[in-house]
Amino acid sequence: MPIATSNTIVELDTQDLDDGKNTEEVALEYLNRVKTGLEGIARREAVNHPPHYNQGNIEVIDAIEDWGLDFNAGNVVKYVSRHQHKAEPLEDLKKARWYLDRIIEGFENGSIKD
């Protein structure tokens, strides 16, 4: 009997009940399969849509691309936008400052033009 869990289908083999396995064994086996499936979904979400980038109506990457920001400016936006959703917000703000300092230095030394 297939059981849907988000994008994963877990098969529950009811034949196991007829093969001498008790209900508890079958249930535990099923729950382990569901857990494994959900862990896989969580891993994919952590890569494709991590929660600290999904606060509000748009993802940070979409704003960065829409605004045509370069690598350094994009990282400033990324780190500033996610800092309040992280366990160590000051760390992300310092990362943003590091990238912002590189942009400022580029303007000061002439390697970046308007």
PDB file of N, CA and C in Angstrom:
ATOM      1  N   MET A   1       0.854  -1.172   0.000  1.00  0.00           N
ATOM      2  CA  MET A   1       0.000   0.000   0.000  1.00  0.00           C
ATOM      3  C   MET A   1       0.897   1.231   0.000  1.00  0.00           C
ATOM      4  N   PRO A   2       0.881   2.076  -1.077  1.00  0.00           N
ATOM      5  CA  PRO A   2       1.730   3.268  -1.101  1.00  0.00           C
ATOM      6  C   PRO A   2       1.175   4.360  -0.204  1.00  0.00           C
ATOM      7  N   ILE A   3       2.071   5.005   0.517  1.00  0.00           N
ATOM      8  CA  ILE A   3       1.721   6.117   1.380  1.00  0.00           C
ATOM      9  C   ILE A   3       2.509   7.322   0.897  1.00  0.00           C
ATOM     10  N   ALA A   4       1.834   8.441   0.605  1.00  0.00           N
ATOM     11  CA  ALA A   4       2.520   9.630   0.118  1.00  0.00           C
ATOM     12  C   ALA A   4       3.014  10.473   1.283  1.00  0.00           C
ATOM     13  N   THR A   5       4.263  10.912   1.202  1.00  0.00           N
ATOM     14  CA  THR A   5       4.835  11.856   2.163  1.00  0.00           C
ATOM     15  C   THR A   5       5.526  12.935   1.359  1.00  0.00           C
ATOM     16  N   SER A   6       4.862  14.057   1.161  1.00  0.00           N
ATOM     17  CA  SER A   6       5.364  15.165   0.344  1.00  0.00           C
ATOM     18  C   SER A   6       5.674  14.641  -1.042  1.00  0.00           C
ATOM     19  N   ASN A   7       6.943  14.683  -1.476  1.00  0.00           N
ATOM     20  CA  ASN A   7       7.296  14.239  -2.820  1.00  0.00           C
ATOM     21  C   ASN A   7       7.758  12.789  -2.848  1.00  0.00           C
ATOM     22  N   THR A   8       7.651  12.096  -1.749  1.00  0.00           N
ATOM     23  CA  THR A   8       8.150  10.733  -1.653  1.00  0.00           C
ATOM     24  C   THR A   8       6.991   9.783  -1.414  1.00  0.00           C
ATOM     25  N   ILE A   9       7.055   8.623  -2.018  1.00  0.00           N
ATOM     26  CA  ILE A   9       6.057   7.585  -1.745  1.00  0.00           C
ATOM     27  C   ILE A   9       6.766   6.455  -1.017  1.00  0.00           C
ATOM     28  N   VAL A  10       6.207   6.066   0.097  1.00  0.00           N
ATOM     29  CA  VAL A  10       6.765   4.985   0.895  1.00  0.00           C
ATOM     30  C   VAL A  10       5.837   3.795   0.756  1.00  0.00           C
ATOM     31  N   GLU A  11       6.408   2.672   0.436  1.00  0.00           N
ATOM     32  CA  GLU A  11       5.605   1.460   0.281  1.00  0.00           C
ATOM     33  C   GLU A  11       5.441   0.764   1.627  1.00  0.00           C
ATOM     34  N   LEU A  12       4.234   0.471   1.969  1.00  0.00           N
ATOM     35  CA  LEU A  12       3.933  -0.311   3.164  1.00  0.00           C
ATOM     36  C   LEU A  12       3.457  -1.668   2.672  1.00  0.00           C
ATOM     37  N   ASP A  13       4.261  -2.670   2.933  1.00  0.00           N
ATOM     38  CA  ASP A  13       3.949  -4.007   2.437  1.00  0.00           C
ATOM     39  C   ASP A  13       3.074  -4.732   3.456  1.00  0.00           C
ATOM     40  N   THR A  14       1.775  -4.768   3.182  1.00  0.00           N
ATOM     41  CA  THR A  14       0.853  -5.425   4.100  1.00  0.00           C
ATOM     42  C   THR A  14       1.030  -6.936   4.084  1.00  0.00           C
ATOM     43  N   GLN A  15       1.745  -7.466   3.097  1.00  0.00           N
ATOM     44  CA  GLN A  15       2.041  -8.901   3.044  1.00  0.00           C
ATOM     45  C   GLN A  15       2.880  -9.306   4.253  1.00  0.00           C
ATOM     46  N   ASP A  16       3.686  -8.367   4.773  1.00  0.00           N
ATOM     47  CA  ASP A  16       4.506  -8.658   5.948  1.00  0.00           C
ATOM     48  C   ASP A  16       3.656  -9.107   7.122  1.00  0.00           C
ATOM     49  N   LEU A  17       2.461  -8.574   7.232  1.00  0.00           N
ATOM     50  CA  LEU A  17       1.582  -8.977   8.332  1.00  0.00           C
ATOM     51  C   LEU A  17       1.197 -10.450   8.198  1.00  0.00           C
ATOM     52  N   ASP A  18       1.048 -10.897   6.948  1.00  0.00           N
ATOM     53  CA  ASP A  18       0.680 -12.288   6.707  1.00  0.00           C
ATOM     54  C   ASP A  18       1.874 -13.224   6.848  1.00  0.00           C
ATOM     55  N   ASP A  19       3.097 -12.674   6.792  1.00  0.00           N
ATOM     56  CA  ASP A  19       4.314 -13.490   6.852  1.00  0.00           C
ATOM     57  C   ASP A  19       4.836 -13.673   8.271  1.00  0.00           C
ATOM     58  N   GLY A  20       4.029 -13.397   9.257  1.00  0.00           N
ATOM     59  CA  GLY A  20       4.438 -13.660  10.625  1.00  0.00           C
ATOM     60  C   GLY A  20       5.016 -12.464  11.362  1.00  0.00           C
ATOM     61  N   LYS A  21       5.231 -11.377  10.678  1.00  0.00           N
ATOM     62  CA  LYS A  21       5.706 -10.191  11.385  1.00  0.00           C
ATOM     63  C   LYS A  21       4.542  -9.613  12.180  1.00  0.00           C
ATOM     64  N   ASN A  22       4.863  -9.128  13.369  1.00  0.00           N
ATOM     65  CA  ASN A  22       3.767  -8.534  14.131  1.00  0.00           C
ATOM     66  C   ASN A  22       3.552  -7.089  13.709  1.00  0.00           C
ATOM     67  N   THR A  23       2.450  -6.559  14.080  1.00  0.00           N
ATOM     68  CA  THR A  23       2.063  -5.212  13.663  1.00  0.00           C
ATOM     69  C   THR A  23       3.091  -4.179  14.081  1.00  0.00           C
ATOM     70  N   GLU A  24       3.663  -4.332  15.272  1.00  0.00           N
ATOM     71  CA  GLU A  24       4.645  -3.373  15.769  1.00  0.00           C
ATOM     72  C   GLU A  24       5.895  -3.359  14.888  1.00  0.00           C
ATOM     73  N   GLU A  25       6.357  -4.539  14.469  1.00  0.00           N
ATOM     74  CA  GLU A  25       7.536  -4.611  13.595  1.00  0.00           C
ATOM     75  C   GLU A  25       7.271  -3.922  12.260  1.00  0.00           C
ATOM     76  N   VAL A  26       6.116  -4.186  11.688  1.00  0.00           N
ATOM     77  CA  VAL A  26       5.759  -3.587  10.406  1.00  0.00           C
ATOM     78  C   VAL A  26       5.638  -2.070  10.561  1.00  0.00           C
ATOM     79  N   ALA A  27       5.012  -1.631  11.636  1.00  0.00           N
ATOM     80  CA  ALA A  27       4.845  -0.197  11.867  1.00  0.00           C
ATOM     81  C   ALA A  27       6.201   0.491  12.038  1.00  0.00           C
ATOM     82  N   LEU A  28       7.109  -0.111  12.809  1.00  0.00           N
ATOM     83  CA  LEU A  28       8.436   0.481  13.001  1.00  0.00           C
ATOM     84  C   LEU A  28       9.215   0.549  11.692  1.00  0.00           C
ATOM     85  N   GLU A  29       9.111  -0.504  10.902  1.00  0.00           N
ATOM     86  CA  GLU A  29       9.768  -0.529   9.597  1.00  0.00           C
ATOM     87  C   GLU A  29       9.215   0.594   8.706  1.00  0.00           C
ATOM     88  N   TYR A  30       7.921   0.734   8.718  1.00  0.00           N
ATOM     89  CA  TYR A  30       7.273   1.784   7.933  1.00  0.00           C
ATOM     90  C   TYR A  30       7.715   3.166   8.404  1.00  0.00           C
ATOM     91  N   LEU A  31       7.718   3.391   9.709  1.00  0.00           N
ATOM     92  CA  LEU A  31       8.113   4.692  10.245  1.00  0.00           C
ATOM     93  C   LEU A  31       9.566   5.013   9.903  1.00  0.00           C
ATOM     94  N   ASN A  32      10.429   4.015   9.910  1.00  0.00           N
ATOM     95  CA  ASN A  32      11.820   4.244   9.522  1.00  0.00           C
ATOM     96  C   ASN A  32      11.916   4.661   8.058  1.00  0.00           C
ATOM     97  N   ARG A  33      11.108   4.063   7.210  1.00  0.00           N
ATOM     98  CA  ARG A  33      11.097   4.442   5.795  1.00  0.00           C
ATOM     99  C   ARG A  33      10.587   5.870   5.617  1.00  0.00           C
ATOM    100  N   VAL A  34       9.546   6.241   6.356  1.00  0.00           N
ATOM    101  CA  VAL A  34       9.014   7.602   6.291  1.00  0.00           C
ATOM    102  C   VAL A  34      10.073   8.585   6.766  1.00  0.00           C
ATOM    103  N   LYS A  35      10.729   8.263   7.883  1.00  0.00           N
ATOM    104  CA  LYS A  35      11.767   9.139   8.423  1.00  0.00           C
ATOM    105  C   LYS A  35      12.880   9.348   7.406  1.00  0.00           C
ATOM    106  N   THR A  36      13.317   8.277   6.773  1.00  0.00           N
ATOM    107  CA  THR A  36      14.366   8.378   5.762  1.00  0.00           C
ATOM    108  C   THR A  36      13.913   9.260   4.603  1.00  0.00           C
ATOM    109  N   GLY A  37      12.688   9.102   4.168  1.00  0.00           N
ATOM    110  CA  GLY A  37      12.153   9.924   3.081  1.00  0.00           C
ATOM    111  C   GLY A  37      12.074  11.389   3.460  1.00  0.00           C
ATOM    112  N   LEU A  38      11.623  11.676   4.671  1.00  0.00           N
ATOM    113  CA  LEU A  38      11.513  13.062   5.120  1.00  0.00           C
ATOM    114  C   LEU A  38      12.881  13.702   5.307  1.00  0.00           C
ATOM    115  N   GLU A  39      13.852  12.924   5.760  1.00  0.00           N
ATOM    116  CA  GLU A  39      15.205  13.457   5.895  1.00  0.00           C
ATOM    117  C   GLU A  39      15.766  13.846   4.533  1.00  0.00           C
ATOM    118  N   GLY A  40      15.471  13.048   3.518  1.00  0.00           N
ATOM    119  CA  GLY A  40      15.912  13.377   2.166  1.00  0.00           C
ATOM    120  C   GLY A  40      15.281  14.666   1.665  1.00  0.00           C
ATOM    121  N   ILE A  41      14.004  14.843   1.944  1.00  0.00           N
ATOM    122  CA  ILE A  41      13.313  16.077   1.546  1.00  0.00           C
ATOM    123  C   ILE A  41      13.926  17.265   2.266  1.00  0.00           C
ATOM    124  N   ALA A  42      14.190  17.128   3.554  1.00  0.00           N
ATOM    125  CA  ALA A  42      14.775  18.231   4.325  1.00  0.00           C
ATOM    126  C   ALA A  42      16.145  18.602   3.783  1.00  0.00           C
ATOM    127  N   ARG A  43      16.946  17.594   3.399  1.00  0.00           N
ATOM    128  CA  ARG A  43      18.274  17.877   2.828  1.00  0.00           C
ATOM    129  C   ARG A  43      18.142  18.655   1.523  1.00  0.00           C
ATOM    130  N   ARG A  44      17.190  18.262   0.681  1.00  0.00           N
ATOM    131  CA  ARG A  44      16.995  18.970  -0.587  1.00  0.00           C
ATOM    132  C   ARG A  44      16.538  20.406  -0.343  1.00  0.00           C
ATOM    133  N   GLU A  45      15.668  20.604   0.631  1.00  0.00           N
ATOM    134  CA  GLU A  45      15.189  21.952   0.939  1.00  0.00           C
ATOM    135  C   GLU A  45      16.326  22.803   1.493  1.00  0.00           C
ATOM    136  N   ALA A  46      17.218  22.206   2.284  1.00  0.00           N
ATOM    137  CA  ALA A  46      18.343  22.960   2.833  1.00  0.00           C
ATOM    138  C   ALA A  46      19.267  23.438   1.724  1.00  0.00           C
ATOM    139  N   VAL A  47      19.302  22.733   0.617  1.00  0.00           N
ATOM    140  CA  VAL A  47      20.139  23.133  -0.512  1.00  0.00           C
ATOM    141  C   VAL A  47      19.384  24.098  -1.421  1.00  0.00           C
ATOM    142  N   ASN A  48      18.177  23.759  -1.802  1.00  0.00           N
ATOM    143  CA  ASN A  48      17.444  24.544  -2.796  1.00  0.00           C
ATOM    144  C   ASN A  48      16.736  25.762  -2.231  1.00  0.00           C
ATOM    145  N   HIS A  49      16.217  25.665  -1.031  1.00  0.00           N
ATOM    146  CA  HIS A  49      15.437  26.762  -0.447  1.00  0.00           C
ATOM    147  C   HIS A  49      15.650  26.818   1.061  1.00  0.00           C
ATOM    148  N   PRO A  50      16.867  27.154   1.495  1.00  0.00           N
ATOM    149  CA  PRO A  50      17.093  27.184   2.947  1.00  0.00           C
ATOM    150  C   PRO A  50      16.208  28.223   3.623  1.00  0.00           C
ATOM    151  N   PRO A  51      15.718  27.923   4.817  1.00  0.00           N
ATOM    152  CA  PRO A  51      14.768  28.811   5.477  1.00  0.00           C
ATOM    153  C   PRO A  51      15.307  30.223   5.715  1.00  0.00           C
ATOM    154  N   HIS A  52      16.616  30.355   5.954  1.00  0.00           N
ATOM    155  CA  HIS A  52      17.139  31.699   6.215  1.00  0.00           C
ATOM    156  C   HIS A  52      17.191  32.558   4.956  1.00  0.00           C
ATOM    157  N   TYR A  53      16.903  31.984   3.784  1.00  0.00           N
ATOM    158  CA  TYR A  53      16.792  32.767   2.554  1.00  0.00           C
ATOM    159  C   TYR A  53      15.346  32.937   2.122  1.00  0.00           C
ATOM    160  N   ASN A  54      14.415  32.399   2.864  1.00  0.00           N
ATOM    161  CA  ASN A  54      13.006  32.397   2.464  1.00  0.00           C
ATOM    162  C   ASN A  54      12.125  33.156   3.448  1.00  0.00           C
ATOM    163  N   GLN A  55      12.566  34.281   3.902  1.00  0.00           N
ATOM    164  CA  GLN A  55      11.756  35.102   4.792  1.00  0.00           C
ATOM    165  C   GLN A  55      11.118  36.190   3.935  1.00  0.00           C
ATOM    166  N   GLY A  56       9.837  36.275   3.949  1.00  0.00           N
ATOM    167  CA  GLY A  56       9.155  37.268   3.123  1.00  0.00           C
ATOM    168  C   GLY A  56       8.627  36.647   1.846  1.00  0.00           C
ATOM    169  N   ASN A  57       8.371  37.501   0.849  1.00  0.00           N
ATOM    170  CA  ASN A  57       7.724  37.051  -0.379  1.00  0.00           C
ATOM    171  C   ASN A  57       8.681  36.652  -1.490  1.00  0.00           C
ATOM    172  N   ILE A  58       9.949  37.063  -1.405  1.00  0.00           N
ATOM    173  CA  ILE A  58      10.900  36.725  -2.465  1.00  0.00           C
ATOM    174  C   ILE A  58      12.171  36.152  -1.846  1.00  0.00           C
ATOM    175  N   GLU A  59      12.818  35.270  -2.597  1.00  0.00           N
ATOM    176  CA  GLU A  59      14.096  34.730  -2.137  1.00  0.00           C
ATOM    177  C   GLU A  59      15.192  35.730  -2.472  1.00  0.00           C
ATOM    178  N   VAL A  60      16.195  35.761  -1.640  1.00  0.00           N
ATOM    179  CA  VAL A  60      17.305  36.699  -1.812  1.00  0.00           C
ATOM    180  C   VAL A  60      17.943  36.535  -3.192  1.00  0.00           C
ATOM    181  N   ILE A  61      18.150  35.319  -3.630  1.00  0.00           N
ATOM    182  CA  ILE A  61      18.803  35.076  -4.923  1.00  0.00           C
ATOM    183  C   ILE A  61      18.010  35.720  -6.058  1.00  0.00           C
ATOM    184  N   ASP A  62      16.685  35.702  -5.953  1.00  0.00           N
ATOM    185  CA  ASP A  62      15.848  36.313  -6.997  1.00  0.00           C
ATOM    186  C   ASP A  62      16.045  37.830  -7.036  1.00  0.00           C
ATOM    187  N   ALA A  63      16.141  38.467  -5.876  1.00  0.00           N
ATOM    188  CA  ALA A  63      16.377  39.919  -5.836  1.00  0.00           C
ATOM    189  C   ALA A  63      17.762  40.245  -6.389  1.00  0.00           C
ATOM    190  N   ILE A  64      18.770  39.490  -5.984  1.00  0.00           N
ATOM    191  CA  ILE A  64      20.142  39.731  -6.446  1.00  0.00           C
ATOM    192  C   ILE A  64      20.218  39.628  -7.962  1.00  0.00           C
ATOM    193  N   GLU A  65      19.613  38.593  -8.524  1.00  0.00           N
ATOM    194  CA  GLU A  65      19.635  38.410  -9.979  1.00  0.00           C
ATOM    195  C   GLU A  65      18.821  39.491 -10.684  1.00  0.00           C
ATOM    196  N   ASP A  66      17.660  39.829 -10.137  1.00  0.00           N
ATOM    197  CA  ASP A  66      16.808  40.844 -10.758  1.00  0.00           C
ATOM    198  C   ASP A  66      17.499  42.206 -10.774  1.00  0.00           C
ATOM    199  N   TRP A  67      18.234  42.522  -9.720  1.00  0.00           N
ATOM    200  CA  TRP A  67      18.922  43.800  -9.633  1.00  0.00           C
ATOM    201  C   TRP A  67      20.254  43.796 -10.375  1.00  0.00           C
ATOM    202  N   GLY A  68      20.676  42.650 -10.880  1.00  0.00           N
ATOM    203  CA  GLY A  68      21.919  42.555 -11.635  1.00  0.00           C
ATOM    204  C   GLY A  68      23.161  42.829 -10.802  1.00  0.00           C
ATOM    205  N   LEU A  69      23.135  42.431  -9.542  1.00  0.00           N
ATOM    206  CA  LEU A  69      24.274  42.697  -8.661  1.00  0.00           C
ATOM    207  C   LEU A  69      25.445  41.775  -8.977  1.00  0.00           C
ATOM    208  N   ASP A  70      26.652  42.306  -8.811  1.00  0.00           N
ATOM    209  CA  ASP A  70      27.838  41.474  -8.994  1.00  0.00           C
ATOM    210  C   ASP A  70      28.046  40.608  -7.746  1.00  0.00           C
ATOM    211  N   PHE A  71      29.102  39.810  -7.760  1.00  0.00           N
ATOM    212  CA  PHE A  71      29.354  38.854  -6.682  1.00  0.00           C
ATOM    213  C   PHE A  71      29.431  39.540  -5.317  1.00  0.00           C
ATOM    214  N   ASN A  72      30.254  40.578  -5.213  1.00  0.00           N
ATOM    215  CA  ASN A  72      30.450  41.227  -3.916  1.00  0.00           C
ATOM    216  C   ASN A  72      29.172  41.908  -3.423  1.00  0.00           C
ATOM    217  N   ALA A  73      28.509  42.663  -4.284  1.00  0.00           N
ATOM    218  CA  ALA A  73      27.271  43.343  -3.885  1.00  0.00           C
ATOM    219  C   ALA A  73      26.179  42.325  -3.549  1.00  0.00           C
ATOM    220  N   GLY A  74      26.124  41.248  -4.305  1.00  0.00           N
ATOM    221  CA  GLY A  74      25.148  40.196  -4.020  1.00  0.00           C
ATOM    222  C   GLY A  74      25.367  39.581  -2.650  1.00  0.00           C
ATOM    223  N   ASN A  75      26.639  39.392  -2.288  1.00  0.00           N
ATOM    224  CA  ASN A  75      26.933  38.830  -0.967  1.00  0.00           C
ATOM    225  C   ASN A  75      26.592  39.800   0.154  1.00  0.00           C
ATOM    226  N   VAL A  76      26.767  41.101  -0.078  1.00  0.00           N
ATOM    227  CA  VAL A  76      26.350  42.083   0.928  1.00  0.00           C
ATOM    228  C   VAL A  76      24.854  41.934   1.191  1.00  0.00           C
ATOM    229  N   VAL A  77      24.069  41.904   0.125  1.00  0.00           N
ATOM    230  CA  VAL A  77      22.614  41.765   0.264  1.00  0.00           C
ATOM    231  C   VAL A  77      22.267  40.444   0.942  1.00  0.00           C
ATOM    232  N   LYS A  78      22.921  39.371   0.507  1.00  0.00           N
ATOM    233  CA  LYS A  78      22.639  38.041   1.066  1.00  0.00           C
ATOM    234  C   LYS A  78      22.867  38.013   2.572  1.00  0.00           C
ATOM    235  N   TYR A  79      24.045  38.459   3.004  1.00  0.00           N
ATOM    236  CA  TYR A  79      24.368  38.367   4.426  1.00  0.00           C
ATOM    237  C   TYR A  79      23.545  39.314   5.286  1.00  0.00           C
ATOM    238  N   VAL A  80      23.269  40.510   4.780  1.00  0.00           N
ATOM    239  CA  VAL A  80      22.439  41.439   5.553  1.00  0.00           C
ATOM    240  C   VAL A  80      21.013  40.899   5.662  1.00  0.00           C
ATOM    241  N   SER A  81      20.487  40.361   4.571  1.00  0.00           N
ATOM    242  CA  SER A  81      19.092  39.907   4.588  1.00  0.00           C
ATOM    243  C   SER A  81      18.869  38.686   5.465  1.00  0.00           C
ATOM    244  N   ARG A  82      19.879  37.869   5.656  1.00  0.00           N
ATOM    245  CA  ARG A  82      19.652  36.642   6.425  1.00  0.00           C
ATOM    246  C   ARG A  82      20.158  36.715   7.855  1.00  0.00           C
ATOM    247  N   HIS A  83      20.891  37.765   8.234  1.00  0.00           N
ATOM    248  CA  HIS A  83      21.538  37.789   9.546  1.00  0.00           C
ATOM    249  C   HIS A  83      20.575  37.598  10.706  1.00  0.00           C
ATOM    250  N   GLN A  84      19.390  38.174  10.624  1.00  0.00           N
ATOM    251  CA  GLN A  84      18.459  38.080  11.753  1.00  0.00           C
ATOM    252  C   GLN A  84      17.788  36.715  11.867  1.00  0.00           C
ATOM    253  N   HIS A  85      18.030  35.855  10.903  1.00  0.00           N
ATOM    254  CA  HIS A  85      17.436  34.515  10.938  1.00  0.00           C
ATOM    255  C   HIS A  85      18.477  33.445  11.253  1.00  0.00           C
ATOM    256  N   LYS A  86      19.655  33.853  11.647  1.00  0.00           N
ATOM    257  CA  LYS A  86      20.746  32.926  11.919  1.00  0.00           C
ATOM    258  C   LYS A  86      21.053  32.916  13.416  1.00  0.00           C
ATOM    259  N   ALA A  87      21.688  31.843  13.862  1.00  0.00           N
ATOM    260  CA  ALA A  87      22.035  31.704  15.274  1.00  0.00           C
ATOM    261  C   ALA A  87      23.079  32.743  15.693  1.00  0.00           C
ATOM    262  N   GLU A  88      23.974  33.103  14.776  1.00  0.00           N
ATOM    263  CA  GLU A  88      25.026  34.091  15.052  1.00  0.00           C
ATOM    264  C   GLU A  88      24.873  35.276  14.092  1.00  0.00           C
ATOM    265  N   PRO A  89      23.938  36.183  14.351  1.00  0.00           N
ATOM    266  CA  PRO A  89      23.679  37.275  13.403  1.00  0.00           C
ATOM    267  C   PRO A  89      24.890  38.175  13.168  1.00  0.00           C
ATOM    268  N   LEU A  90      25.679  38.422  14.192  1.00  0.00           N
ATOM    269  CA  LEU A  90      26.835  39.302  14.043  1.00  0.00           C
ATOM    270  C   LEU A  90      27.839  38.739  13.037  1.00  0.00           C
ATOM    271  N   GLU A  91      27.953  37.432  12.984  1.00  0.00           N
ATOM    272  CA  GLU A  91      28.866  36.790  12.028  1.00  0.00           C
ATOM    273  C   GLU A  91      28.476  37.133  10.587  1.00  0.00           C
ATOM    274  N   ASP A  92      27.193  37.066  10.277  1.00  0.00           N
ATOM    275  CA  ASP A  92      26.750  37.395   8.923  1.00  0.00           C
ATOM    276  C   ASP A  92      26.915  38.885   8.627  1.00  0.00           C
ATOM    277  N   LEU A  93      26.697  39.735   9.619  1.00  0.00           N
ATOM    278  CA  LEU A  93      26.898  41.167   9.401  1.00  0.00           C
ATOM    279  C   LEU A  93      28.370  41.480   9.139  1.00  0.00           C
ATOM    280  N   LYS A  94      29.259  40.783   9.815  1.00  0.00           N
ATOM    281  CA  LYS A  94      30.697  40.981   9.572  1.00  0.00           C
ATOM    282  C   LYS A  94      31.085  40.491   8.175  1.00  0.00           C
ATOM    283  N   LYS A  95      30.469  39.408   7.733  1.00  0.00           N
ATOM    284  CA  LYS A  95      30.718  38.935   6.365  1.00  0.00           C
ATOM    285  C   LYS A  95      30.237  39.979   5.356  1.00  0.00           C
ATOM    286  N   ALA A  96      29.059  40.553   5.599  1.00  0.00           N
ATOM    287  CA  ALA A  96      28.535  41.592   4.709  1.00  0.00           C
ATOM    288  C   ALA A  96      29.494  42.780   4.676  1.00  0.00           C
ATOM    289  N   ARG A  97      29.997  43.172   5.834  1.00  0.00           N
ATOM    290  CA  ARG A  97      30.930  44.297   5.900  1.00  0.00           C
ATOM    291  C   ARG A  97      32.206  43.986   5.115  1.00  0.00           C
ATOM    292  N   TRP A  98      32.694  42.748   5.190  1.00  0.00           N
ATOM    293  CA  TRP A  98      33.910  42.356   4.475  1.00  0.00           C
ATOM    294  C   TRP A  98      33.721  42.557   2.962  1.00  0.00           C
ATOM    295  N   TYR A  99      32.584  42.118   2.449  1.00  0.00           N
ATOM    296  CA  TYR A  99      32.305  42.295   1.015  1.00  0.00           C
ATOM    297  C   TYR A  99      32.089  43.778   0.677  1.00  0.00           C
ATOM    298  N   LEU A 100      31.408  44.506   1.546  1.00  0.00           N
ATOM    299  CA  LEU A 100      31.195  45.926   1.313  1.00  0.00           C
ATOM    300  C   LEU A 100      32.530  46.674   1.305  1.00  0.00           C
ATOM    301  N   ASP A 101      33.437  46.318   2.207  1.00  0.00           N
ATOM    302  CA  ASP A 101      34.770  46.932   2.227  1.00  0.00           C
ATOM    303  C   ASP A 101      35.509  46.682   0.915  1.00  0.00           C
ATOM    304  N   ARG A 102      35.350  45.509   0.328  1.00  0.00           N
ATOM    305  CA  ARG A 102      35.987  45.220  -0.964  1.00  0.00           C
ATOM    306  C   ARG A 102      35.423  46.122  -2.065  1.00  0.00           C
ATOM    307  N   ILE A 103      34.137  46.353  -2.029  1.00  0.00           N
ATOM    308  CA  ILE A 103      33.523  47.249  -3.020  1.00  0.00           C
ATOM    309  C   ILE A 103      34.062  48.669  -2.835  1.00  0.00           C
ATOM    310  N   ILE A 104      34.081  49.142  -1.599  1.00  0.00           N
ATOM    311  CA  ILE A 104      34.570  50.497  -1.306  1.00  0.00           C
ATOM    312  C   ILE A 104      36.021  50.641  -1.741  1.00  0.00           C
ATOM    313  N   GLU A 105      36.847  49.650  -1.419  1.00  0.00           N
ATOM    314  CA  GLU A 105      38.257  49.690  -1.832  1.00  0.00           C
ATOM    315  C   GLU A 105      38.382  49.753  -3.354  1.00  0.00           C
ATOM    316  N   GLY A 106      37.522  49.029  -4.054  1.00  0.00           N
ATOM    317  CA  GLY A 106      37.534  49.049  -5.512  1.00  0.00           C
ATOM    318  C   GLY A 106      37.247  50.430  -6.072  1.00  0.00           C
ATOM    319  N   PHE A 107      36.294  51.134  -5.464  1.00  0.00           N
ATOM    320  CA  PHE A 107      36.002  52.508  -5.902  1.00  0.00           C
ATOM    321  C   PHE A 107      37.159  53.439  -5.547  1.00  0.00           C
ATOM    322  N   GLU A 108      37.721  53.243  -4.365  1.00  0.00           N
ATOM    323  CA  GLU A 108      38.815  54.129  -3.922  1.00  0.00           C
ATOM    324  C   GLU A 108      40.075  53.973  -4.750  1.00  0.00           C
ATOM    325  N   ASN A 109      40.396  52.726  -5.141  1.00  0.00           N
ATOM    326  CA  ASN A 109      41.638  52.514  -5.895  1.00  0.00           C
ATOM    327  C   ASN A 109      41.419  52.537  -7.419  1.00  0.00           C
ATOM    328  N   GLY A 110      40.198  52.769  -7.840  1.00  0.00           N
ATOM    329  CA  GLY A 110      39.904  52.917  -9.256  1.00  0.00           C
ATOM    330  C   GLY A 110      39.673  51.612 -10.006  1.00  0.00           C
ATOM    331  N   SER A 111      39.716  50.466  -9.316  1.00  0.00           N
ATOM    332  CA  SER A 111      39.480  49.201 -10.016  1.00  0.00           C
ATOM    333  C   SER A 111      37.991  48.991 -10.314  1.00  0.00           C
ATOM    334  N   ILE A 112      37.123  49.732  -9.630  1.00  0.00           N
ATOM    335  CA  ILE A 112      35.684  49.722  -9.925  1.00  0.00           C
ATOM    336  C   ILE A 112      35.321  51.139 -10.350  1.00  0.00           C
ATOM    337  N   LYS A 113      34.669  51.242 -11.477  1.00  0.00           N
ATOM    338  CA  LYS A 113      34.196  52.532 -12.001  1.00  0.00           C
ATOM    339  C   LYS A 113      32.682  52.591 -11.864  1.00  0.00           C
ATOM    340  N   ASP A 114      32.151  53.821 -11.857  1.00  0.00           N
ATOM    341  CA  ASP A 114      30.686  53.997 -11.764  1.00  0.00           C
ATOM    342  C   ASP A 114      29.971  53.299 -12.862  1.00  0.00           C
TER     343      ASP A 114
END
